[in-house]
Every structure is written in structure tokens, then in C-alpha cells.
Amino acid sequence: MATRIEDRRSACPGLFRMAKALDGSICRVKLTFGNIGAEQARRIADASRRFGNGIIEITNRANLQIRGVRPETENQLIAALLDAGLGPLTDKGDDVRNVMISPIAGIGSDKPDVRPLALRLLEILQTNPSYQTLSPKFSVLIDGGESVAMVDHPHDIWLSMADDSVHFGVAGVPPTQLNDSPALGIVHASSALNLVTAILDQFIAWNDANPAASRLRHMIAAIGTDAFIAKLESHLDFPIHHDAIASWRRAVPRPNGHLGILPESVGNDALVGAMPPLGRLDPDKLNVLAALAEKDGHGKLRMTPWQSVILPEVIPARAESTLKHLDDLGFSAHSGNPFSTMISCSGSAGCGSALAATQADGLKLGALLQRKAPGLAEQLAVHMTGCAKSCASPSAKPVTLVATEPGFYDIFLRATNGPSRFGKLLAAHVTIEEAAERIGNLPLNSRPSTTRPFNSGSGGPTHA
């Protein structure tokens, strides 16, 4: 089994195992629910400067990754990050720290606080030897129905809590649209942790006989949903309720709710969020963020699955000033700015599979759209990908540019049921200037839906 596990992990970076890329190795620093202290941020900035090439990426699982690590400095980098308190509970627990919650989980009293359950699950995943064998891409979403939440990314297991009940599903997302796959069932909130571990145990037992598989979607494809539920129920000592699950839908989160001064700010704490260009930082910017978090709040930062940053405990009287500082830093906090929602893979500067320099082209496209179509990002998020693997996004975005050769892209608009995984083709093999014209001239009534198409996405992010 060990050989199989290592084989399927080889391309997925972590703290102890760095993935090779054109610009050096990648070290992924997994953060608990995206949280990091100011001093830890400074340590990462210093490590990136000393041992990497100075590029720090926020990932779509709210982690950070350091690029350009040189082989001779890998051990020094690991030691520096462990010394900063950024390691797992156990040496073999790093890969499975993939539990996601909303960046505003636990704030306010109108939604259940999912953090205790999520923390307990994180501990179990890292300390149970069986669970340590899971794929590094295997992920769990624990949703509390918050107004700011990433519910578009497919997860192996998802829970959505409300009052004393929990809807759940596998290999997908909580349904928000009429044609989304429904939940598999409902359990009492007190049974949520036992439900997750039972699903994990069932998958691992099946995986032992099917070692080529690595995700729950593979199991569902092989045995079907009905057989999966039947197996699960036979191992539980509590009931799974199926009443009304076909009609249940999670409330749609507020669009771009992670940007600006969040209305969820309560009491003595304000939340202020902004997006660095294409989700990238450098040591200087990360150091400025750390200083800002200390000056205007309590020294805390929170990365988000939108590849953005939230300062979660800002003194309310300083919130506007904090927002201004983020703007001065080059971050985007207004949902109308194309850079507030645009994402990109590393492109040909860092990846051998990429056909174009998506980072440089993305910056160029964003600047053109700012001039041509201000306010566009409130309706359209743009994704730049260097190849069809779509490493930066596990699901289709409203607009996707897929590189065809240096400087040229196919443009896709998200559409239900394809025909491509990215949607329908708007234009083929166009330059960045032509892309800006095509996207900026889209009439309002022909722009792609901002809602998720049915069964979109690859089943899990690689840029995690």
C-alpha cells in the first residue's frame, strides 16, 4: 500500500514533500482554516526570500505555497516552517489537513459554530494511521450555512449544518440550484463526526481492494449511490433520514462576500478582505500584511479559498484605514475590479505543461478590462489556465481563457452541460487584446450565469 500512496502523492506538494516545477520546487504550507499569525506570516516571508524565489501563492484551499525552492535548501525550509509552528500534529498527518470551513465560521449567533467539529476532525485525520493513507487531494467541507462561503469547490465529503440537523453528501457540493445533485441524507448534529469517520472507513476498506482509486467519486462511479448508502447505513448505529432531501437547497452565499468591510463584522472586531493580483504575494507584501494586522487589529490574518486575504479582527474604527492600506498595497477590495476575482495558474514561467505565460497575460488582461469594462467583475470572474488541466480552479468559472500557444487563448463562457468542461466556446486562438474586446463587449443578457452549472469541475483542486 505504501508504494501506491506515494505514487499518487508525488505530484501534490506538501511541507515534507516538495513538488518539482520549472521554477524550482513548491512547498505547500497548510493552514488551519486559513489562519496565520503575524509572526508566522513574517517567518513565511523570510523563508520564501531565503529558500525560494520570492513567490508566495494563496491556494484555493486557503493555504500558502512557497515557489522556487532550491534542492539544497529544502531541509532548511522545512525546519524554519516547523519552528514557526506551521507543521502537522504528526509527521504523517500533513497531507490530510484538508478540512474547509467558511472564513466567517463562528462569527455571530445566527449560524451554528462548526469550528469545534472541524478541529476535532482535523485532529483525527492527522493522528489515525488509516486516515493518513488518504490522498492529499481528499477533502472535507463542514458548512454552517454562512453568508460568506465557498460552496462551488467539489469535496469528497460535505456536511451542511443547520440547528440540530446535518445534510450531507459525497463527491460534490451542497446543492444551491434546482438541478444540483441533492443531499444523500440528514443526520442529527450529534452524529456528524461519527458519520464522517464511517464514510472514511467505508471508503478505505473499498480502496484497499481498488488501489488505483484515490477519491470518493471513484467509489461512487464504481458501485453507485444506492449501494454506497446501503453500505453506510449497515455500519451506523444511528438513522439517516431521507425525508425532503430532494427539495433541500443551501442558501446561495453572498456574491463576492469576502471583499471589502464585511457586514458580518460584530462587536469589537471588523473583518476586512481584499484580493492580491492573481492570488500572489511576495515577502514584502506579506510583511506589510503582518504589520497591518498588528497595527489595526490583533495580529491575525486569514487566507480564503478565493485566494484572497481577510484581516479578521480589525478594530472597527480602523476598518476604513485598513481597507485603504490594502488598496495602496495593490490589492482589490471592490467587486467591480477585474483583479478582485481573476485567478491564474503559474503559467509557462513555472509549469512545463503550460502553453502560455498566464500570470503576465492575466495582469495585462486585467488592466485592459479595468479600462474597458469597469464593474465587469461583479458579474464575471475570469480564470486564466495554461492548459486544459485547470489546476487553479476545480470548477468552471464564468469566463475561462485556455492557452493554445504563447500569447493566444481560447475563451469559454460557463454553460450548463458543456459542451466543454469550461462551457461553450466564445472565441478561438485570440490574443489578450482581442480577449479583452470580446469579454468587455459581452451584452448583459448573454453573459454566463454566475451560478454553478450541474456537475461542473474535476472533483477536486490540484492547486490546493
Protein backbone atom coordinates (compact mmCIF):
# COMPACT_ATOMS: atom_id res chain seq x y z
CA MET A 1 0.00 0.00 0.00
CA ALA A 2 2.82 2.44 0.80
CA THR A 3 4.08 2.41 -2.78
CA ARG A 4 0.62 3.13 -4.13
CA ILE A 5 0.15 6.04 -1.74
CA GLU A 6 3.50 7.62 -2.52
CA ASP A 7 2.92 7.22 -6.26
CA ARG A 8 -0.32 9.16 -6.20
CA ARG A 9 1.13 11.81 -3.88
CA SER A 10 4.20 12.53 -5.95
CA ALA A 11 2.70 15.45 -7.88
CA CYS A 12 0.96 17.05 -4.90
CA PRO A 13 3.18 19.33 -2.80
CA GLY A 14 3.22 19.45 0.97
CA LEU A 15 5.51 20.56 3.75
CA PHE A 16 7.75 17.47 3.75
CA ARG A 17 7.42 16.54 0.07
CA MET A 18 8.00 19.31 -2.43
CA ALA A 19 6.72 19.05 -5.98
CA LYS A 20 9.13 19.85 -8.79
CA ALA A 21 8.30 22.70 -11.17
CA LEU A 22 10.14 24.69 -13.83
CA ASP A 23 10.97 27.47 -11.38
CA GLY A 24 12.10 25.11 -8.60
CA SER A 25 10.22 23.06 -6.03
CA ILE A 26 6.89 24.01 -4.45
CA CYS A 27 6.38 23.79 -0.69
CA ARG A 28 2.74 23.94 0.41
CA VAL A 29 2.11 25.29 3.91
CA LYS A 30 -1.24 24.04 5.15
CA LEU A 31 -3.04 26.46 7.43
CA THR A 32 -5.81 25.57 9.85
CA PHE A 33 -8.88 27.15 8.24
CA GLY A 34 -6.62 29.68 6.52
CA ASN A 35 -5.49 31.23 9.80
CA ILE A 36 -1.99 32.56 10.38
CA GLY A 37 -0.48 34.89 12.94
CA ALA A 38 1.53 37.98 12.05
CA GLU A 39 4.80 36.48 13.29
CA GLN A 40 4.15 33.28 11.32
CA ALA A 41 3.49 35.39 8.23
CA ARG A 42 6.87 37.07 8.71
CA ARG A 43 8.53 33.66 9.04
CA ILE A 44 6.98 32.52 5.75
CA ALA A 45 8.05 35.75 4.05
CA ASP A 46 11.61 35.27 5.31
CA ALA A 47 11.64 31.61 4.27
CA SER A 48 10.40 32.48 0.78
CA ARG A 49 13.17 35.04 0.39
CA ARG A 50 15.93 32.81 1.77
CA PHE A 51 14.97 29.43 0.34
CA GLY A 52 12.61 30.17 -2.58
CA ASN A 53 12.22 32.64 -5.43
CA GLY A 54 10.05 35.11 -3.51
CA ILE A 55 6.72 34.00 -4.98
CA ILE A 56 4.08 33.07 -2.39
CA GLU A 57 0.72 31.82 -3.65
CA ILE A 58 -2.60 31.66 -1.85
CA THR A 59 -4.30 28.43 -2.87
CA ASN A 60 -7.94 27.57 -3.41
CA ARG A 61 -7.97 25.64 -0.13
CA ALA A 62 -6.82 28.72 1.79
CA ASN A 63 -3.24 27.52 2.15
CA LEU A 64 0.03 29.19 1.18
CA GLN A 65 2.73 27.78 -1.04
CA ILE A 66 6.32 28.87 -1.50
CA ARG A 67 7.67 28.56 -5.04
CA GLY A 68 11.17 28.24 -6.42
CA VAL A 69 12.66 26.22 -3.57
CA ARG A 70 16.20 25.07 -4.32
CA PRO A 71 17.01 21.39 -3.64
CA GLU A 72 19.88 22.20 -1.29
CA THR A 73 17.64 24.39 0.90
CA GLU A 74 14.61 22.09 1.27
CA ASN A 75 15.59 20.76 4.70
CA GLN A 76 16.35 24.25 5.96
CA LEU A 77 12.96 25.45 4.75
CA ILE A 78 11.16 22.58 6.47
CA ALA A 79 13.00 23.29 9.72
CA ALA A 80 12.15 27.00 9.53
CA LEU A 81 8.44 26.33 8.97
CA LEU A 82 8.27 23.74 11.75
CA ASP A 83 9.99 26.20 14.09
CA ALA A 84 7.26 28.72 13.21
CA GLY A 85 4.58 26.28 14.39
CA LEU A 86 3.30 25.54 10.89
CA GLY A 87 3.67 21.77 10.89
CA PRO A 88 1.09 18.99 11.38
CA LEU A 89 0.30 17.18 14.62
CA THR A 90 2.18 14.11 13.33
CA ASP A 91 4.84 13.63 10.67
CA LYS A 92 2.43 11.63 8.50
CA GLY A 93 -0.51 13.93 9.08
CA ASP A 94 0.45 16.80 6.78
CA ASP A 95 -1.22 15.52 3.61
CA VAL A 96 -4.66 15.05 5.17
CA ARG A 97 -5.11 18.52 6.67
CA ASN A 98 -7.84 19.25 4.15
CA VAL A 99 -10.87 20.36 6.16
CA MET A 100 -12.50 23.55 4.92
CA ILE A 101 -14.89 25.91 6.67
CA SER A 102 -16.18 29.41 5.95
CA PRO A 103 -13.78 32.26 6.76
CA ILE A 104 -16.56 33.74 8.93
CA ALA A 105 -17.44 30.49 10.72
CA GLY A 106 -18.36 31.11 14.35
CA ILE A 107 -19.00 34.83 13.87
CA GLY A 108 -22.43 35.89 15.04
CA SER A 109 -25.08 33.78 16.73
CA ASP A 110 -27.46 33.08 13.85
CA LYS A 111 -25.47 30.15 12.43
CA PRO A 112 -24.01 27.05 14.09
CA ASP A 113 -20.34 27.29 15.02
CA VAL A 114 -18.74 24.48 13.03
CA ARG A 115 -15.21 25.12 14.27
CA PRO A 116 -15.21 22.62 17.19
CA LEU A 117 -16.33 19.81 14.88
CA ALA A 118 -13.82 20.82 12.20
CA LEU A 119 -10.95 20.97 14.70
CA ARG A 120 -11.82 17.57 16.12
CA LEU A 121 -11.94 16.08 12.61
CA LEU A 122 -8.57 17.65 11.75
CA GLU A 123 -7.06 16.03 14.83
CA ILE A 124 -8.48 12.61 13.97
CA LEU A 125 -7.32 12.79 10.36
CA GLN A 126 -3.76 13.59 11.40
CA THR A 127 -3.47 11.01 14.17
CA ASN A 128 -5.35 7.98 12.82
CA PRO A 129 -2.89 5.82 10.80
CA SER A 130 -5.65 4.63 8.45
CA TYR A 131 -6.69 8.16 7.57
CA GLN A 132 -3.09 9.19 6.96
CA THR A 133 -3.19 6.99 3.84
CA LEU A 134 -5.83 9.17 2.15
CA SER A 135 -4.91 11.07 -0.99
CA PRO A 136 -3.55 14.60 -0.39
CA LYS A 137 -6.44 15.81 -2.55
CA PHE A 138 -9.08 14.14 -0.35
CA SER A 139 -11.08 16.95 1.27
CA VAL A 140 -13.97 17.59 3.64
CA LEU A 141 -16.22 20.66 3.78
CA ILE A 142 -18.01 21.49 7.02
CA ASP A 143 -20.52 24.20 6.18
CA GLY A 144 -22.58 26.19 8.64
CA GLY A 145 -24.79 27.96 6.12
CA GLU A 146 -22.74 31.16 6.38
CA SER A 147 -23.34 34.07 4.01
CA VAL A 148 -19.64 34.05 3.05
CA ALA A 149 -18.71 30.56 1.91
CA MET A 150 -17.07 28.74 -0.98
CA VAL A 151 -19.59 26.07 -1.92
CA ASP A 152 -18.54 25.66 -5.57
CA HIS A 153 -15.46 23.51 -4.97
CA PRO A 154 -16.23 19.77 -5.06
CA HIS A 155 -15.30 17.84 -1.91
CA ASP A 156 -15.08 14.14 -1.14
CA ILE A 157 -17.39 14.68 1.83
CA TRP A 158 -19.53 17.70 2.61
CA LEU A 159 -21.69 18.50 5.62
CA SER A 160 -24.10 21.42 5.87
CA MET A 161 -25.28 22.14 9.40
CA ALA A 162 -28.44 23.94 10.50
CA ASP A 163 -29.74 23.93 14.07
CA ASP A 164 -29.59 20.30 15.22
CA SER A 165 -29.53 18.63 11.80
CA VAL A 166 -26.83 18.00 9.21
CA HIS A 167 -27.37 17.43 5.50
CA PHE A 168 -24.52 15.54 3.87
CA GLY A 169 -23.22 14.32 0.54
CA VAL A 170 -20.12 12.90 -1.13
CA ALA A 171 -18.13 13.66 -4.26
CA GLY A 172 -19.73 17.04 -4.84
CA VAL A 173 -21.04 20.22 -3.26
CA PRO A 174 -24.02 21.31 -1.16
CA PRO A 175 -26.87 21.88 -3.64
CA THR A 176 -27.83 25.51 -4.17
CA GLN A 177 -29.52 25.28 -7.58
CA LEU A 178 -32.60 23.32 -8.65
CA ASN A 179 -30.65 20.99 -10.94
CA ASP A 180 -27.83 20.28 -8.47
CA SER A 181 -27.42 16.75 -7.15
CA PRO A 182 -29.37 16.53 -3.87
CA ALA A 183 -28.00 15.65 -0.45
CA LEU A 184 -27.68 11.95 0.35
CA GLY A 185 -29.36 12.24 3.72
CA ILE A 186 -29.78 14.01 7.05
CA VAL A 187 -28.43 13.06 10.47
CA HIS A 188 -28.64 14.65 13.89
CA ALA A 189 -25.84 17.12 14.58
CA SER A 190 -24.58 14.98 17.46
CA SER A 191 -23.82 12.20 14.94
CA ALA A 192 -21.89 14.35 12.46
CA LEU A 193 -18.39 13.25 13.46
CA ASN A 194 -19.33 9.57 13.57
CA LEU A 195 -20.92 9.95 10.14
CA VAL A 196 -17.71 11.33 8.63
CA THR A 197 -15.50 8.65 10.16
CA ALA A 198 -17.92 5.94 9.00
CA ILE A 199 -17.73 7.28 5.44
CA LEU A 200 -13.93 7.38 5.67
CA ASP A 201 -13.79 3.81 6.99
CA GLN A 202 -16.08 2.60 4.24
CA PHE A 203 -14.01 4.28 1.54
CA ILE A 204 -10.68 3.00 2.91
CA ALA A 205 -12.00 -0.57 3.05
CA TRP A 206 -13.16 -0.31 -0.56
CA ASN A 207 -9.92 1.42 -1.58
CA ASP A 208 -7.86 -1.49 -0.26
CA ALA A 209 -9.48 -3.66 -2.92
CA ASN A 210 -9.32 -0.89 -5.53
CA PRO A 211 -5.87 0.67 -5.07
CA ALA A 212 -5.92 2.62 -8.33
CA ALA A 213 -8.71 4.82 -6.96
CA SER A 214 -7.99 7.79 -4.70
CA ARG A 215 -11.22 9.75 -4.31
CA LEU A 216 -14.76 9.06 -3.18
CA ARG A 217 -16.05 9.94 -6.65
CA HIS A 218 -14.22 6.85 -7.92
CA MET A 219 -16.08 4.69 -5.42
CA ILE A 220 -19.45 6.23 -6.30
CA ALA A 221 -18.77 5.73 -10.01
CA ALA A 222 -17.91 2.08 -9.37
CA ILE A 223 -20.72 0.96 -7.03
CA GLY A 224 -23.40 3.66 -7.36
CA THR A 225 -25.02 5.94 -4.81
CA ASP A 226 -27.68 3.47 -3.63
CA ALA A 227 -25.13 0.76 -2.83
CA PHE A 228 -22.92 3.31 -1.08
CA ILE A 229 -25.77 4.48 1.17
CA ALA A 230 -26.81 0.89 1.90
CA LYS A 231 -23.25 0.01 2.96
CA LEU A 232 -23.03 3.15 5.07
CA GLU A 233 -26.32 2.55 6.88
CA SER A 234 -25.31 -1.02 7.69
CA HIS A 235 -22.35 0.31 9.69
CA LEU A 236 -24.14 3.07 11.60
CA ASP A 237 -25.92 2.87 14.94
CA PHE A 238 -27.98 5.99 14.21
CA PRO A 239 -30.52 6.67 11.46
CA ILE A 240 -30.02 8.51 8.19
CA HIS A 241 -33.19 10.41 7.36
CA HIS A 242 -34.16 10.84 3.73
CA ASP A 243 -37.33 12.93 4.09
CA ALA A 244 -37.39 16.06 1.94
CA ILE A 245 -33.72 15.85 0.93
CA ALA A 246 -34.65 16.09 -2.75
CA SER A 247 -36.04 19.59 -2.23
CA TRP A 248 -33.47 20.90 0.26
CA ARG A 249 -31.16 23.61 -1.04
CA ARG A 250 -28.47 25.50 0.77
CA ALA A 251 -28.92 29.28 0.63
CA VAL A 252 -26.71 30.85 -2.03
CA PRO A 253 -23.81 32.73 -0.39
CA ARG A 254 -23.47 36.47 -0.95
CA PRO A 255 -21.53 37.11 -4.20
CA ASN A 256 -18.01 38.37 -3.51
CA GLY A 257 -18.84 38.41 0.18
CA HIS A 258 -15.18 38.04 1.12
CA LEU A 259 -14.28 41.51 -0.20
CA GLY A 260 -14.28 44.90 1.50
CA ILE A 261 -15.54 45.56 5.02
CA LEU A 262 -17.77 42.59 5.70
CA PRO A 263 -21.22 43.31 7.16
CA GLU A 264 -20.75 40.26 9.40
CA SER A 265 -18.34 42.35 11.48
CA VAL A 266 -19.68 42.37 15.03
CA GLY A 267 -18.80 43.92 18.37
CA ASN A 268 -15.18 44.92 18.73
CA ASP A 269 -14.00 43.12 15.60
CA ALA A 270 -14.34 44.09 11.95
CA LEU A 271 -13.46 41.83 9.02
CA VAL A 272 -11.69 43.42 6.06
CA GLY A 273 -10.95 41.44 2.90
CA ALA A 274 -9.09 42.04 -0.35
CA MET A 275 -7.53 40.13 -3.24
CA PRO A 276 -3.87 40.35 -4.25
CA PRO A 277 -3.38 40.32 -8.03
CA LEU A 278 -3.96 36.75 -9.26
CA GLY A 279 -3.75 35.46 -5.68
CA ARG A 280 0.00 36.03 -5.40
CA LEU A 281 2.09 37.62 -2.65
CA ASP A 282 5.77 38.35 -2.22
CA PRO A 283 7.81 38.65 1.00
CA ASP A 284 7.44 42.43 1.16
CA LYS A 285 3.66 42.33 0.77
CA LEU A 286 3.29 39.55 3.32
CA ASN A 287 5.39 41.54 5.79
CA VAL A 288 3.20 44.60 5.22
CA LEU A 289 0.09 42.49 5.82
CA ALA A 290 1.58 41.23 9.09
CA ALA A 291 2.36 44.77 10.25
CA LEU A 292 -1.11 45.96 9.24
CA ALA A 293 -2.76 43.12 11.16
CA GLU A 294 -0.80 44.10 14.27
CA LYS A 295 -1.37 47.84 13.92
CA ASP A 296 -5.08 47.78 13.12
CA GLY A 297 -6.15 44.62 14.92
CA HIS A 298 -4.92 41.66 16.90
CA GLY A 299 -2.17 40.37 14.64
CA LYS A 300 -4.21 37.79 12.74
CA LEU A 301 -4.56 37.03 9.02
CA ARG A 302 -6.89 34.61 7.27
CA MET A 303 -6.38 33.23 3.77
CA THR A 304 -9.51 32.30 1.82
CA PRO A 305 -10.41 29.76 -0.90
CA TRP A 306 -10.92 32.69 -3.29
CA GLN A 307 -7.12 33.13 -2.99
CA SER A 308 -7.68 36.37 -1.10
CA VAL A 309 -6.89 37.65 2.40
CA ILE A 310 -9.13 38.67 5.29
CA LEU A 311 -7.95 40.58 8.34
CA PRO A 312 -10.44 39.06 10.79
CA GLU A 313 -10.02 41.12 13.96
CA VAL A 314 -9.63 44.73 12.89
CA ILE A 315 -10.57 47.49 15.31
CA PRO A 316 -13.82 48.84 13.78
CA ALA A 317 -12.67 52.46 13.91
CA ARG A 318 -9.68 51.48 11.76
CA ALA A 319 -11.52 49.36 9.18
CA GLU A 320 -11.67 52.09 6.52
CA SER A 321 -7.99 52.87 7.05
CA THR A 322 -7.13 49.17 6.77
CA LEU A 323 -9.02 48.97 3.50
CA LYS A 324 -7.11 51.99 2.19
CA HIS A 325 -3.79 50.38 3.12
CA LEU A 326 -4.76 47.21 1.25
CA ASP A 327 -5.64 49.29 -1.79
CA ASP A 328 -2.27 51.06 -1.56
CA LEU A 329 -0.65 47.63 -1.45
CA GLY A 330 -2.20 46.83 -4.84
CA PHE A 331 -4.97 44.60 -3.52
CA SER A 332 -8.53 44.76 -4.85
CA ALA A 333 -11.42 45.04 -2.40
CA HIS A 334 -14.13 46.29 -4.75
CA SER A 335 -16.08 43.58 -6.55
CA GLY A 336 -16.18 45.66 -9.74
CA ASN A 337 -12.41 45.47 -10.19
CA PRO A 338 -11.47 42.57 -12.52
CA PHE A 339 -8.48 41.77 -10.29
CA SER A 340 -10.80 41.14 -7.33
CA THR A 341 -11.98 37.86 -8.87
CA MET A 342 -9.38 36.91 -11.50
CA ILE A 343 -7.27 33.81 -10.86
CA SER A 344 -4.48 32.11 -12.78
CA CYS A 345 -2.18 29.13 -12.66
CA SER A 346 1.59 29.68 -12.60
CA GLY A 347 1.78 29.55 -16.39
CA SER A 348 4.81 28.72 -18.50
CA ALA A 349 7.14 30.57 -16.12
CA GLY A 350 6.61 27.84 -13.55
CA CYS A 351 4.96 24.84 -15.21
CA GLY A 352 6.14 22.63 -18.05
CA SER A 353 2.56 21.84 -19.09
CA ALA A 354 1.53 25.46 -19.58
CA LEU A 355 1.42 26.79 -23.13
CA ALA A 356 1.49 30.49 -22.23
CA ALA A 357 2.64 32.95 -19.57
CA THR A 358 -0.73 33.15 -17.82
CA GLN A 359 0.50 35.30 -14.94
CA ALA A 360 1.87 38.05 -17.17
CA ASP A 361 -1.05 37.72 -19.58
CA GLY A 362 -3.54 37.83 -16.71
CA LEU A 363 -2.10 41.09 -15.40
CA LYS A 364 -2.33 42.52 -18.91
CA LEU A 365 -5.91 41.33 -19.39
CA GLY A 366 -7.00 42.68 -16.01
CA ALA A 367 -5.58 46.12 -16.79
CA LEU A 368 -7.34 46.17 -20.17
CA LEU A 369 -10.67 45.13 -18.64
CA GLN A 370 -10.34 47.77 -15.92
CA ARG A 371 -10.31 50.42 -18.62
CA LYS A 372 -12.79 48.84 -21.00
CA ALA A 373 -15.36 47.26 -18.70
CA PRO A 374 -15.33 48.73 -15.18
CA GLY A 375 -17.69 46.80 -12.94
CA LEU A 376 -17.33 43.66 -15.04
CA ALA A 377 -16.07 41.52 -12.15
CA GLU A 378 -19.33 41.97 -10.26
CA GLN A 379 -20.84 39.64 -12.87
CA LEU A 380 -17.88 37.73 -14.29
CA ALA A 381 -14.89 36.05 -12.70
CA VAL A 382 -12.06 35.29 -15.13
CA HIS A 383 -9.81 32.24 -14.92
CA MET A 384 -6.53 32.00 -16.85
CA THR A 385 -5.23 28.48 -17.37
CA GLY A 386 -2.09 27.44 -19.20
CA CYS A 387 -3.55 24.09 -20.26
CA ALA A 388 -6.76 22.09 -20.08
CA LYS A 389 -5.88 20.58 -16.68
CA SER A 390 -7.23 23.72 -14.97
CA CYS A 391 -5.03 23.40 -11.89
CA ALA A 392 -6.04 26.78 -10.44
CA SER A 393 -9.77 26.07 -10.38
CA PRO A 394 -11.61 22.82 -9.60
CA SER A 395 -14.82 24.08 -11.24
CA ALA A 396 -15.71 26.13 -14.30
CA LYS A 397 -15.61 29.90 -13.87
CA PRO A 398 -17.92 32.32 -15.72
CA VAL A 399 -15.07 33.07 -18.16
CA THR A 400 -12.10 30.78 -18.77
CA LEU A 401 -9.14 31.51 -21.03
CA VAL A 402 -7.31 28.31 -22.03
CA ALA A 403 -3.86 28.83 -23.56
CA THR A 404 -3.25 27.44 -27.04
CA GLU A 405 0.27 28.82 -27.56
CA PRO A 406 2.30 31.73 -26.17
CA GLY A 407 0.08 34.83 -26.16
CA PHE A 408 -3.02 33.06 -27.54
CA TYR A 409 -6.11 31.64 -25.83
CA ASP A 410 -9.47 30.02 -26.41
CA ILE A 411 -12.25 31.80 -24.48
CA PHE A 412 -15.06 29.79 -22.87
CA LEU A 413 -18.24 31.01 -21.21
CA ARG A 414 -19.60 28.80 -18.46
CA ALA A 415 -22.70 26.92 -19.58
CA THR A 416 -24.80 24.14 -18.13
CA ASN A 417 -23.81 20.75 -19.56
CA GLY A 418 -20.87 21.91 -21.61
CA PRO A 419 -20.08 21.05 -24.32
CA SER A 420 -16.59 21.58 -22.84
CA ARG A 421 -15.82 21.23 -19.14
CA PHE A 422 -15.27 25.00 -19.30
CA GLY A 423 -18.59 25.70 -21.06
CA LYS A 424 -19.23 26.96 -24.57
CA LEU A 425 -16.58 28.44 -26.86
CA LEU A 426 -16.79 32.21 -27.34
CA ALA A 427 -13.64 32.68 -29.43
CA ALA A 428 -10.68 30.55 -30.50
CA HIS A 429 -6.97 31.35 -30.55
CA VAL A 430 -7.19 35.06 -29.72
CA THR A 431 -4.64 37.48 -28.29
CA ILE A 432 -5.03 39.12 -24.89
CA GLU A 433 -6.11 42.36 -26.57
CA GLU A 434 -8.74 40.50 -28.58
CA ALA A 435 -9.86 38.66 -25.46
CA ALA A 436 -10.39 41.95 -23.63
CA GLU A 437 -12.52 43.19 -26.53
CA ARG A 438 -14.60 40.01 -26.66
CA ILE A 439 -15.17 39.82 -22.91
CA GLY A 440 -15.72 43.54 -22.43
CA ASN A 441 -18.28 43.68 -25.25
CA LEU A 442 -20.44 40.85 -23.94
CA PRO A 443 -24.02 42.17 -23.69
CA LEU A 444 -25.52 41.79 -20.24
CA ASN A 445 -28.15 39.31 -21.38
CA SER A 446 -25.57 36.99 -22.95
CA ARG A 447 -23.09 36.91 -20.10
CA PRO A 448 -22.69 33.50 -18.49
CA SER A 449 -24.61 32.66 -15.38
CA THR A 450 -22.88 33.37 -12.09
CA THR A 451 -24.41 30.19 -10.70
CA ARG A 452 -22.65 26.87 -10.85
CA PRO A 453 -23.55 24.52 -13.71
CA PHE A 454 -24.63 21.00 -12.85
CA ASN A 455 -21.75 18.63 -12.08
CA SER A 456 -19.07 21.08 -13.18
CA GLY A 457 -15.48 20.68 -12.11
CA SER A 458 -12.91 17.97 -11.90
CA GLY A 459 -13.82 16.65 -8.47
CA GLY A 460 -11.02 18.35 -6.61
CA PRO A 461 -8.43 21.07 -6.84
CA THR A 462 -4.80 20.37 -7.58
CA HIS A 463 -3.72 23.93 -6.78
CA ALA A 464 -4.76 23.31 -3.20
